[in-house]
Structure formats: structure tokens, C-alpha cells
Amino acid sequence: MLKPRETSGEIIQWISGHRVLSLLGEGGMARVYKVLTPSGAYQALKITRRDTPAQVERLYKERRALARLRHPGIVSMINAG
């Protein structure tokens, strides 16, 4: 869940300990955010709009496919859950 936190007049969003920096893109199924992890690494974080059984299965397939890919132009999957 997105949690707003106000700091000196600006609103900062947090998701599971990750600071949300910007919205990278969105589609009918999910939004993808650029986040900063507690360790200082930049990552992309995908958040689904709703979790129907069909969408969950589609995300599992996407996760399995992404885990097999290795290329400098393709993001690496770090975690899923």
C-alpha cells in the first residue's frame, strides 16, 4: 500500500519500506514505480490494480519469463510477492 508521509511541505510516498520517486508507467493491470530501497538501490516496483485469479496467473507467467532473461537492456527481477 502507498503510505503518504509529509516532510517539510512535500509529500513522500512509501511502499513496503521503499521510497517512491516517480511513476514510470501504467497499464490496465498495474502501475510501475521507480523506488529507492532502504539500502540505497534504485528499483522498479510493479503494483497491481486488483488481484483476480487471471491477473495473478498472468503475473506468475511474467515473473517466470523475466527470471530467465539476462540482457543489459532488460531489468532483472529481484523479488516477487
Protein backbone atom coordinates (compact mmCIF):
# COMPACT_ATOMS: atom_id res chain seq x y z
CA MET A 1 0.00 0.00 0.00
CA LEU A 2 1.05 3.55 -0.66
CA LYS A 3 1.61 5.48 2.55
CA PRO A 4 1.91 9.26 2.31
CA ARG A 5 4.28 10.98 4.68
CA GLU A 6 4.64 14.75 4.79
CA THR A 7 8.13 16.17 5.23
CA SER A 8 8.69 19.94 5.19
CA GLY A 9 5.77 20.61 2.88
CA GLU A 10 6.35 17.85 0.34
CA ILE A 11 4.50 14.56 0.30
CA ILE A 12 6.70 11.48 0.10
CA GLN A 13 5.16 8.11 -0.71
CA TRP A 14 6.44 4.84 0.74
CA ILE A 15 5.65 1.24 -0.27
CA SER A 16 6.95 -1.56 1.96
CA GLY A 17 9.92 0.49 3.12
CA HIS A 18 10.76 1.71 -0.41
CA ARG A 19 10.62 5.44 -1.15
CA VAL A 20 8.55 6.11 -4.28
CA LEU A 21 10.37 8.55 -6.55
CA SER A 22 8.13 8.57 -9.62
CA LEU A 23 5.57 6.72 -11.67
CA LEU A 24 7.37 5.03 -14.57
CA GLY A 25 4.29 3.75 -16.36
CA GLU A 26 0.87 2.22 -16.02
CA GLY A 27 -1.46 -0.05 -17.89
CA GLY A 28 -4.77 -1.74 -17.35
CA MET A 29 -3.29 -4.28 -14.94
CA ALA A 30 -0.64 -2.45 -12.90
CA ARG A 31 1.44 0.62 -12.21
CA VAL A 32 5.25 0.61 -12.19
CA TYR A 33 7.10 2.96 -9.87
CA LYS A 34 10.75 3.98 -9.60
CA VAL A 35 11.67 3.43 -5.95
CA LEU A 36 14.68 3.83 -3.70
CA THR A 37 15.31 0.85 -1.42
CA PRO A 38 16.43 1.17 2.21
CA SER A 39 19.92 0.09 1.02
CA GLY A 40 20.06 2.97 -1.48
CA ALA A 41 19.45 0.99 -4.69
CA TYR A 42 17.07 2.16 -7.40
CA GLN A 43 14.46 -0.38 -8.47
CA ALA A 44 11.23 -0.64 -10.43
CA LEU A 45 8.26 -1.81 -8.37
CA LYS A 46 5.10 -3.15 -10.03
CA ILE A 47 1.83 -2.83 -8.09
CA THR A 48 -1.29 -4.50 -9.43
CA ARG A 49 -4.60 -2.67 -9.53
CA ARG A 50 -6.61 -5.71 -8.41
CA ASP A 51 -5.77 -9.34 -7.85
CA THR A 52 -8.17 -11.51 -9.82
CA PRO A 53 -7.12 -15.15 -10.31
CA ALA A 54 -6.46 -14.48 -14.02
CA GLN A 55 -4.21 -11.49 -13.22
CA VAL A 56 -2.31 -13.41 -10.57
CA GLU A 57 -1.62 -16.22 -13.06
CA ARG A 58 -0.51 -13.69 -15.68
CA LEU A 59 1.91 -12.11 -13.21
CA TYR A 60 3.34 -15.54 -12.30
CA LYS A 61 3.95 -16.22 -16.00
CA GLU A 62 5.57 -12.81 -16.42
CA ARG A 63 7.74 -13.43 -13.37
CA ARG A 64 8.91 -16.83 -14.65
CA ALA A 65 9.72 -15.39 -18.09
CA LEU A 66 11.59 -12.41 -16.65
CA ALA A 67 13.61 -14.64 -14.31
CA ARG A 68 15.04 -16.48 -17.35
CA LEU A 69 16.13 -13.37 -19.25
CA ARG A 70 19.64 -11.91 -18.99
CA HIS A 71 20.40 -8.80 -21.01
CA PRO A 72 21.79 -5.35 -20.13
CA GLY A 73 18.71 -3.69 -21.67
CA ILE A 74 16.20 -5.72 -19.62
CA VAL A 75 15.52 -5.23 -15.93
CA SER A 76 16.36 -8.10 -13.60
CA MET A 77 13.75 -9.46 -11.23
CA ILE A 78 14.95 -9.21 -7.65
CA ASN A 79 11.88 -10.25 -5.67
CA ALA A 80 8.24 -11.12 -6.12
CA GLY A 81 5.45 -11.47 -3.67
